[in-house]
Structure formats: structure tokens, C-alpha cells
Amino acid sequence: MKLKRIGVTTLAIALLAGGGMPNATYAMEKQEQTLENMDYQIITPMWDNISGISPSISAEGTTLYPEVYIKAKSSSSSISGTMYLEKYSSGRWTSVTSWSLKGTGNVFLSKSYRGTSGVKYRTRVVVTVDGENAVATSGTCEI
């Protein structure tokens, strides 16, 4: 009787462990597949003073809307930097225009810019938070 109970328990554990593996593998494959299809990369560095940087870009017609949100780990942290609107031309990214940003704790900057049809654009931000430097780039937007 005790041997039968151990056998059933072992079988149940094996089924649970074995049954969970294909789902975990599938989820990992699906996630990699999704990231490959995205037009941007997700990089999560470990910063000392920065909680997060979120550059983005969108468009309506030929009007581009570059923006960035920067959050410091401390509400009293000093934030300064530059948000760049860049275009892809001749195999490289070049700056079209830029805007400075400055604040304490967190900063949100949103601008608009009239772009050119058929050109690919992105937002890039170079920021310093309490002496710590970081660079972040959005995905691309073609109008």
C-alpha cells in the first residue's frame, strides 16, 4: 500500500513537471518570436539613479510626435538632457532636430514636427540623472 502511494505521488510529480515544460518552452519561443517581429529592441540596463527611460514616436499624416518620459529613482534627482528626432538616410541615422529637457524627479517631453513622406524616423534621448548618463532610442516610424 505504501509503495503504491509513493508510485502514484511520483507519477503525479512527473506529470506536473513534464506537463509544465512544453508550456514553458512554448511561452519562451513565442516571446522570442514576438521580439523578433518588433521594430525596436528592449534593453533594460541596471541604473543607479534612473528608474526608467521611455522614448517613443508616432505620426498622424506627415506630422511626427516624438516624446520621452524619464523617471529618476529619487523624486529630488536632477534630470537634464536632449531629445533628438532622427531620420534614416543613406544607411545611417542623422539628427533632424533636437529639444533640451530639464526637470526634477521625472520629466515628460512631447513635441511635433512636420516630416517627409517615405522617410523613416525615430526618437533618441541622451540624458543625465544626478551625474549618471544614459542613451535610449525608440522604435521607428515611417510616414
N, C-alpha and C. Protein backbone atom coordinates (compact mmCIF):
# COMPACT_ATOMS: atom_id res chain seq x y z
N MET A 1 0.82 -1.19 0.00
CA MET A 1 0.00 0.00 0.00
C MET A 1 0.87 1.26 0.00
N LYS A 2 1.93 1.29 0.85
CA LYS A 2 2.81 2.45 0.92
C LYS A 2 3.56 2.60 -0.40
N LEU A 3 4.00 1.50 -1.01
CA LEU A 3 4.71 1.53 -2.27
C LEU A 3 3.81 2.07 -3.38
N LYS A 4 2.53 1.67 -3.36
CA LYS A 4 1.57 2.14 -4.36
C LYS A 4 1.36 3.65 -4.23
N ARG A 5 1.28 4.17 -2.99
CA ARG A 5 1.09 5.59 -2.75
C ARG A 5 2.31 6.38 -3.23
N ILE A 6 3.52 5.89 -3.01
CA ILE A 6 4.75 6.54 -3.47
C ILE A 6 4.77 6.56 -5.00
N GLY A 7 4.36 5.47 -5.61
CA GLY A 7 4.32 5.38 -7.08
C GLY A 7 3.35 6.39 -7.66
N VAL A 8 2.18 6.54 -7.07
CA VAL A 8 1.18 7.49 -7.55
C VAL A 8 1.70 8.93 -7.37
N THR A 9 2.31 9.21 -6.22
CA THR A 9 2.86 10.53 -5.96
C THR A 9 3.98 10.85 -6.96
N THR A 10 4.87 9.90 -7.20
CA THR A 10 5.96 10.10 -8.15
C THR A 10 5.41 10.34 -9.55
N LEU A 11 4.40 9.59 -9.94
CA LEU A 11 3.78 9.76 -11.25
C LEU A 11 3.14 11.15 -11.36
N ALA A 12 2.45 11.57 -10.31
CA ALA A 12 1.81 12.89 -10.32
C ALA A 12 2.84 14.00 -10.47
N ILE A 13 3.95 13.90 -9.73
CA ILE A 13 5.02 14.90 -9.81
C ILE A 13 5.64 14.89 -11.20
N ALA A 14 5.87 13.73 -11.75
CA ALA A 14 6.45 13.62 -13.09
C ALA A 14 5.53 14.23 -14.14
N LEU A 15 4.23 13.99 -14.02
CA LEU A 15 3.27 14.55 -14.97
C LEU A 15 3.21 16.07 -14.85
N LEU A 16 3.21 16.56 -13.61
CA LEU A 16 3.19 18.00 -13.42
C LEU A 16 4.44 18.66 -13.98
N ALA A 17 5.59 18.09 -13.66
CA ALA A 17 6.85 18.65 -14.15
C ALA A 17 6.94 18.51 -15.66
N GLY A 18 6.61 17.36 -16.17
CA GLY A 18 6.66 17.12 -17.62
C GLY A 18 5.61 17.92 -18.34
N GLY A 19 4.43 18.05 -17.77
CA GLY A 19 3.35 18.80 -18.40
C GLY A 19 3.64 20.28 -18.43
N GLY A 20 4.41 20.78 -17.46
CA GLY A 20 4.73 22.20 -17.40
C GLY A 20 5.81 22.59 -18.38
N MET A 21 6.71 21.69 -18.70
CA MET A 21 7.84 22.02 -19.57
C MET A 21 7.42 22.46 -20.97
N PRO A 22 6.56 21.73 -21.66
CA PRO A 22 6.21 22.18 -23.01
C PRO A 22 5.58 23.57 -23.01
N ASN A 23 4.77 23.88 -22.01
CA ASN A 23 4.16 25.20 -21.95
C ASN A 23 5.21 26.27 -21.72
N ALA A 24 6.15 26.02 -20.84
CA ALA A 24 7.22 27.00 -20.58
C ALA A 24 8.06 27.19 -21.84
N THR A 25 8.38 26.10 -22.52
CA THR A 25 9.17 26.19 -23.74
C THR A 25 8.40 26.95 -24.81
N TYR A 26 7.12 26.67 -24.94
CA TYR A 26 6.29 27.36 -25.93
C TYR A 26 6.24 28.86 -25.63
N ALA A 27 6.07 29.19 -24.37
CA ALA A 27 5.98 30.60 -23.99
C ALA A 27 7.29 31.32 -24.33
N MET A 28 8.41 30.66 -24.07
CA MET A 28 9.70 31.28 -24.38
C MET A 28 9.87 31.45 -25.89
N GLU A 29 9.48 30.43 -26.65
CA GLU A 29 9.59 30.54 -28.10
C GLU A 29 8.68 31.65 -28.62
N LYS A 30 7.49 31.74 -28.11
CA LYS A 30 6.54 32.75 -28.55
C LYS A 30 7.06 34.15 -28.24
N GLN A 31 7.66 34.33 -27.06
CA GLN A 31 8.19 35.63 -26.68
C GLN A 31 9.34 36.03 -27.61
N GLU A 32 10.25 35.11 -27.91
CA GLU A 32 11.35 35.42 -28.81
C GLU A 32 10.81 35.79 -30.19
N GLN A 33 9.81 35.07 -30.63
CA GLN A 33 9.21 35.33 -31.93
C GLN A 33 8.60 36.74 -31.96
N THR A 34 7.92 37.11 -30.90
CA THR A 34 7.30 38.43 -30.83
C THR A 34 8.36 39.52 -30.87
N LEU A 35 9.45 39.36 -30.11
CA LEU A 35 10.50 40.37 -30.08
C LEU A 35 11.18 40.51 -31.44
N GLU A 36 11.35 39.41 -32.16
CA GLU A 36 11.97 39.48 -33.48
C GLU A 36 11.11 40.27 -34.45
N ASN A 37 9.81 40.22 -34.30
CA ASN A 37 8.91 40.90 -35.21
C ASN A 37 8.75 42.38 -34.87
N MET A 38 9.23 42.82 -33.73
CA MET A 38 9.12 44.21 -33.33
C MET A 38 10.16 45.04 -34.08
N ASP A 39 9.90 46.32 -34.21
CA ASP A 39 10.81 47.20 -34.92
C ASP A 39 11.71 47.96 -33.94
N TYR A 40 11.84 47.46 -32.74
CA TYR A 40 12.72 48.08 -31.76
C TYR A 40 13.27 47.01 -30.83
N GLN A 41 14.28 47.39 -30.09
CA GLN A 41 14.91 46.46 -29.15
C GLN A 41 14.58 46.89 -27.74
N ILE A 42 14.43 45.91 -26.89
CA ILE A 42 14.19 46.21 -25.48
C ILE A 42 15.47 45.90 -24.72
N ILE A 43 16.04 46.92 -24.14
CA ILE A 43 17.25 46.76 -23.34
C ILE A 43 16.96 47.34 -21.97
N THR A 44 17.22 46.56 -20.94
CA THR A 44 16.93 47.01 -19.59
C THR A 44 18.23 47.04 -18.78
N PRO A 45 18.95 48.16 -18.83
CA PRO A 45 20.18 48.25 -18.05
C PRO A 45 19.87 48.47 -16.57
N MET A 46 20.85 48.25 -15.74
CA MET A 46 20.71 48.48 -14.31
C MET A 46 21.35 49.83 -13.98
N TRP A 47 20.51 50.81 -13.77
CA TRP A 47 20.98 52.15 -13.45
C TRP A 47 20.95 52.37 -11.94
N ASP A 48 21.81 53.27 -11.48
CA ASP A 48 21.83 53.64 -10.07
C ASP A 48 20.80 54.71 -9.75
N ASN A 49 20.66 55.69 -10.65
CA ASN A 49 19.80 56.85 -10.38
C ASN A 49 18.54 56.92 -11.24
N ILE A 50 18.48 56.09 -12.27
CA ILE A 50 17.38 56.16 -13.24
C ILE A 50 16.45 54.97 -13.05
N SER A 51 15.17 55.28 -12.90
CA SER A 51 14.16 54.23 -12.79
C SER A 51 13.73 53.74 -14.16
N GLY A 52 13.63 54.65 -15.14
CA GLY A 52 13.26 54.25 -16.48
C GLY A 52 13.32 55.38 -17.48
N ILE A 53 13.53 55.02 -18.75
CA ILE A 53 13.52 55.97 -19.86
C ILE A 53 12.65 55.36 -20.94
N SER A 54 11.65 56.09 -21.41
CA SER A 54 10.72 55.57 -22.41
C SER A 54 10.56 56.53 -23.58
N PRO A 55 11.45 56.43 -24.58
CA PRO A 55 11.27 57.25 -25.78
C PRO A 55 10.26 56.59 -26.71
N SER A 56 9.49 57.40 -27.44
CA SER A 56 8.54 56.84 -28.40
C SER A 56 8.36 57.82 -29.54
N ILE A 57 7.72 57.34 -30.60
CA ILE A 57 7.41 58.20 -31.74
C ILE A 57 6.14 57.68 -32.40
N SER A 58 5.31 58.61 -32.83
CA SER A 58 4.10 58.25 -33.56
C SER A 58 3.90 59.31 -34.64
N ALA A 59 2.94 59.06 -35.53
CA ALA A 59 2.68 60.01 -36.61
C ALA A 59 1.21 60.06 -36.93
N GLU A 60 0.79 61.20 -37.40
CA GLU A 60 -0.55 61.39 -37.94
C GLU A 60 -0.36 62.16 -39.23
N GLY A 61 -0.61 61.49 -40.35
CA GLY A 61 -0.28 62.09 -41.64
C GLY A 61 1.22 62.24 -41.73
N THR A 62 1.69 63.45 -42.02
CA THR A 62 3.14 63.68 -42.07
C THR A 62 3.65 64.38 -40.80
N THR A 63 2.79 64.52 -39.81
CA THR A 63 3.22 65.14 -38.55
C THR A 63 3.70 64.05 -37.60
N LEU A 64 4.93 64.20 -37.15
CA LEU A 64 5.56 63.27 -36.21
C LEU A 64 5.40 63.78 -34.79
N TYR A 65 5.27 62.84 -33.86
CA TYR A 65 5.15 63.19 -32.45
C TYR A 65 6.20 62.41 -31.64
N PRO A 66 7.43 62.94 -31.57
CA PRO A 66 8.44 62.30 -30.72
C PRO A 66 8.19 62.68 -29.26
N GLU A 67 8.40 61.74 -28.37
CA GLU A 67 8.25 62.05 -26.94
C GLU A 67 9.11 61.12 -26.11
N VAL A 68 9.35 61.55 -24.88
CA VAL A 68 10.13 60.73 -23.95
C VAL A 68 9.65 60.99 -22.53
N TYR A 69 9.67 59.92 -21.74
CA TYR A 69 9.38 60.02 -20.30
C TYR A 69 10.59 59.46 -19.57
N ILE A 70 11.11 60.24 -18.64
CA ILE A 70 12.27 59.83 -17.84
C ILE A 70 11.87 59.90 -16.38
N LYS A 71 12.12 58.83 -15.65
CA LYS A 71 11.80 58.78 -14.23
C LYS A 71 13.05 58.43 -13.45
N ALA A 72 13.38 59.28 -12.49
CA ALA A 72 14.52 59.05 -11.61
C ALA A 72 14.08 58.18 -10.44
N LYS A 73 15.03 57.53 -9.80
CA LYS A 73 14.70 56.71 -8.63
C LYS A 73 14.35 57.57 -7.43
N SER A 74 14.87 58.80 -7.40
CA SER A 74 14.57 59.73 -6.32
C SER A 74 13.78 60.92 -6.86
N SER A 75 12.78 61.35 -6.13
CA SER A 75 11.96 62.49 -6.58
C SER A 75 12.74 63.80 -6.55
N SER A 76 13.92 63.81 -5.91
CA SER A 76 14.72 65.03 -5.86
C SER A 76 15.89 65.00 -6.85
N SER A 77 15.97 63.97 -7.66
CA SER A 77 17.07 63.85 -8.64
C SER A 77 16.95 64.88 -9.74
N SER A 78 18.10 65.41 -10.14
CA SER A 78 18.17 66.39 -11.22
C SER A 78 18.28 65.66 -12.56
N ILE A 79 17.41 66.01 -13.51
CA ILE A 79 17.38 65.38 -14.82
C ILE A 79 17.64 66.45 -15.88
N SER A 80 18.56 66.18 -16.80
CA SER A 80 18.78 67.08 -17.93
C SER A 80 19.22 66.26 -19.12
N GLY A 81 18.99 66.79 -20.31
CA GLY A 81 19.40 66.06 -21.50
C GLY A 81 18.82 66.65 -22.76
N THR A 82 18.86 65.83 -23.80
CA THR A 82 18.39 66.25 -25.12
C THR A 82 17.61 65.11 -25.77
N MET A 83 16.48 65.47 -26.37
CA MET A 83 15.70 64.52 -27.17
C MET A 83 15.96 64.86 -28.64
N TYR A 84 16.36 63.86 -29.41
CA TYR A 84 16.65 64.05 -30.83
C TYR A 84 15.59 63.36 -31.69
N LEU A 85 15.20 64.01 -32.76
CA LEU A 85 14.41 63.38 -33.81
C LEU A 85 15.42 63.04 -34.90
N GLU A 86 15.49 61.75 -35.25
CA GLU A 86 16.45 61.31 -36.25
C GLU A 86 15.74 60.67 -37.44
N LYS A 87 16.37 60.80 -38.63
CA LYS A 87 15.83 60.15 -39.82
C LYS A 87 16.87 59.19 -40.39
N TYR A 88 16.37 58.16 -41.06
CA TYR A 88 17.25 57.16 -41.67
C TYR A 88 17.45 57.51 -43.13
N SER A 89 18.71 57.73 -43.50
CA SER A 89 19.02 58.13 -44.86
C SER A 89 20.41 57.61 -45.23
N SER A 90 20.53 57.07 -46.43
CA SER A 90 21.82 56.57 -46.93
C SER A 90 22.47 55.58 -45.98
N GLY A 91 21.65 54.74 -45.35
CA GLY A 91 22.18 53.67 -44.50
C GLY A 91 22.59 54.09 -43.10
N ARG A 92 22.23 55.30 -42.68
CA ARG A 92 22.59 55.71 -41.31
C ARG A 92 21.56 56.69 -40.76
N TRP A 93 21.58 56.83 -39.43
CA TRP A 93 20.67 57.74 -38.74
C TRP A 93 21.34 59.10 -38.58
N THR A 94 20.61 60.15 -38.93
CA THR A 94 21.11 61.50 -38.76
C THR A 94 20.08 62.34 -38.01
N SER A 95 20.56 63.30 -37.25
CA SER A 95 19.67 64.15 -36.47
C SER A 95 18.97 65.17 -37.37
N VAL A 96 17.66 65.31 -37.17
CA VAL A 96 16.85 66.29 -37.91
C VAL A 96 16.70 67.55 -37.07
N THR A 97 16.36 67.36 -35.80
CA THR A 97 16.22 68.48 -34.87
C THR A 97 16.34 67.92 -33.45
N SER A 98 16.41 68.81 -32.48
CA SER A 98 16.54 68.36 -31.09
C SER A 98 15.89 69.36 -30.14
N TRP A 99 15.57 68.88 -28.95
CA TRP A 99 14.97 69.70 -27.91
C TRP A 99 15.65 69.37 -26.59
N SER A 100 15.94 70.38 -25.79
CA SER A 100 16.54 70.13 -24.48
C SER A 100 15.43 69.81 -23.47
N LEU A 101 15.81 69.09 -22.44
CA LEU A 101 14.87 68.76 -21.38
C LEU A 101 15.56 68.94 -20.04
N LYS A 102 14.76 69.29 -19.05
CA LYS A 102 15.30 69.53 -17.71
C LYS A 102 14.17 69.42 -16.70
N GLY A 103 14.48 68.84 -15.55
CA GLY A 103 13.47 68.73 -14.51
C GLY A 103 14.02 68.02 -13.29
N THR A 104 13.12 67.73 -12.37
CA THR A 104 13.46 67.05 -11.12
C THR A 104 12.50 65.89 -10.90
N GLY A 105 13.04 64.73 -10.59
CA GLY A 105 12.20 63.57 -10.29
C GLY A 105 11.74 62.81 -11.49
N ASN A 106 10.98 63.47 -12.38
CA ASN A 106 10.59 62.87 -13.65
C ASN A 106 10.32 63.98 -14.66
N VAL A 107 10.53 63.63 -15.92
CA VAL A 107 10.36 64.60 -17.00
C VAL A 107 9.61 63.93 -18.14
N PHE A 108 8.63 64.64 -18.68
CA PHE A 108 7.93 64.20 -19.88
C PHE A 108 8.07 65.31 -20.91
N LEU A 109 8.53 64.96 -22.11
CA LEU A 109 8.68 65.93 -23.19
C LEU A 109 8.00 65.37 -24.43
N SER A 110 7.12 66.16 -25.02
CA SER A 110 6.41 65.76 -26.23
C SER A 110 6.45 66.92 -27.22
N LYS A 111 6.82 66.64 -28.45
CA LYS A 111 6.93 67.68 -29.48
C LYS A 111 6.25 67.20 -30.76
N SER A 112 6.11 68.11 -31.71
CA SER A 112 5.60 67.74 -33.03
C SER A 112 6.54 68.29 -34.08
N TYR A 113 6.58 67.60 -35.21
CA TYR A 113 7.48 68.00 -36.29
C TYR A 113 6.90 67.53 -37.61
N ARG A 114 6.91 68.39 -38.61
CA ARG A 114 6.40 68.03 -39.94
C ARG A 114 7.49 67.26 -40.69
N GLY A 115 7.22 65.98 -40.96
CA GLY A 115 8.19 65.13 -41.63
C GLY A 115 7.96 65.02 -43.12
N THR A 116 8.70 64.14 -43.75
CA THR A 116 8.62 63.91 -45.19
C THR A 116 8.11 62.50 -45.45
N SER A 117 7.16 62.36 -46.33
CA SER A 117 6.61 61.04 -46.66
C SER A 117 7.69 60.12 -47.20
N GLY A 118 7.59 58.84 -46.82
CA GLY A 118 8.53 57.84 -47.29
C GLY A 118 9.83 57.78 -46.51
N VAL A 119 9.93 58.56 -45.43
CA VAL A 119 11.15 58.58 -44.62
C VAL A 119 10.89 57.91 -43.28
N LYS A 120 11.89 57.19 -42.79
CA LYS A 120 11.79 56.51 -41.50
C LYS A 120 12.42 57.39 -40.43
N TYR A 121 11.71 57.54 -39.30
CA TYR A 121 12.16 58.40 -38.19
C TYR A 121 12.22 57.62 -36.89
N ARG A 122 12.96 58.15 -35.93
CA ARG A 122 12.99 57.61 -34.57
C ARG A 122 13.31 58.72 -33.58
N THR A 123 13.06 58.43 -32.31
CA THR A 123 13.39 59.35 -31.22
C THR A 123 14.57 58.77 -30.47
N ARG A 124 15.55 59.62 -30.18
CA ARG A 124 16.69 59.19 -29.35
C ARG A 124 16.87 60.23 -28.25
N VAL A 125 17.15 59.77 -27.05
CA VAL A 125 17.34 60.68 -25.93
C VAL A 125 18.68 60.40 -25.26
N VAL A 126 19.38 61.48 -24.95
CA VAL A 126 20.62 61.42 -24.20
C VAL A 126 20.35 62.19 -22.92
N VAL A 127 20.50 61.52 -21.78
CA VAL A 127 20.06 62.12 -20.52
C VAL A 127 21.09 61.90 -19.42
N THR A 128 21.11 62.84 -18.49
CA THR A 128 21.94 62.72 -17.28
C THR A 128 21.02 62.88 -16.08
N VAL A 129 21.08 61.91 -15.17
CA VAL A 129 20.30 61.95 -13.94
C VAL A 129 21.27 61.86 -12.78
N ASP A 130 21.40 62.95 -12.04
CA ASP A 130 22.35 63.03 -10.92
C ASP A 130 23.74 62.51 -11.30
N GLY A 131 24.23 62.93 -12.47
CA GLY A 131 25.57 62.56 -12.91
C GLY A 131 25.66 61.24 -13.66
N GLU A 132 24.59 60.49 -13.72
CA GLU A 132 24.59 59.21 -14.44
C GLU A 132 24.06 59.43 -15.86
N ASN A 133 24.84 59.04 -16.86
CA ASN A 133 24.47 59.25 -18.26
C ASN A 133 23.81 58.01 -18.84
N ALA A 134 22.83 58.25 -19.73
CA ALA A 134 22.15 57.15 -20.42
C ALA A 134 21.66 57.61 -21.77
N VAL A 135 21.54 56.66 -22.69
CA VAL A 135 21.02 56.90 -24.03
C VAL A 135 19.94 55.87 -24.29
N ALA A 136 18.82 56.30 -24.86
CA ALA A 136 17.74 55.38 -25.21
C ALA A 136 17.16 55.77 -26.56
N THR A 137 16.70 54.78 -27.30
CA THR A 137 16.18 55.00 -28.65
C THR A 137 14.82 54.33 -28.78
N SER A 138 13.90 55.00 -29.46
CA SER A 138 12.57 54.44 -29.69
C SER A 138 12.60 53.47 -30.86
N GLY A 139 11.45 52.90 -31.13
CA GLY A 139 11.26 52.16 -32.37
C GLY A 139 11.19 53.15 -33.51
N THR A 140 10.98 52.66 -34.72
CA THR A 140 10.93 53.55 -35.86
C THR A 140 9.49 53.81 -36.31
N CYS A 141 9.35 54.88 -37.07
CA CYS A 141 8.05 55.28 -37.59
C CYS A 141 8.26 55.80 -39.01
N GLU A 142 7.64 55.16 -39.99
CA GLU A 142 7.78 55.64 -41.37
C GLU A 142 6.49 56.31 -41.79
N ILE A 143 6.61 57.50 -42.34
CA ILE A 143 5.40 58.23 -42.75
C ILE A 143 5.31 58.28 -44.27
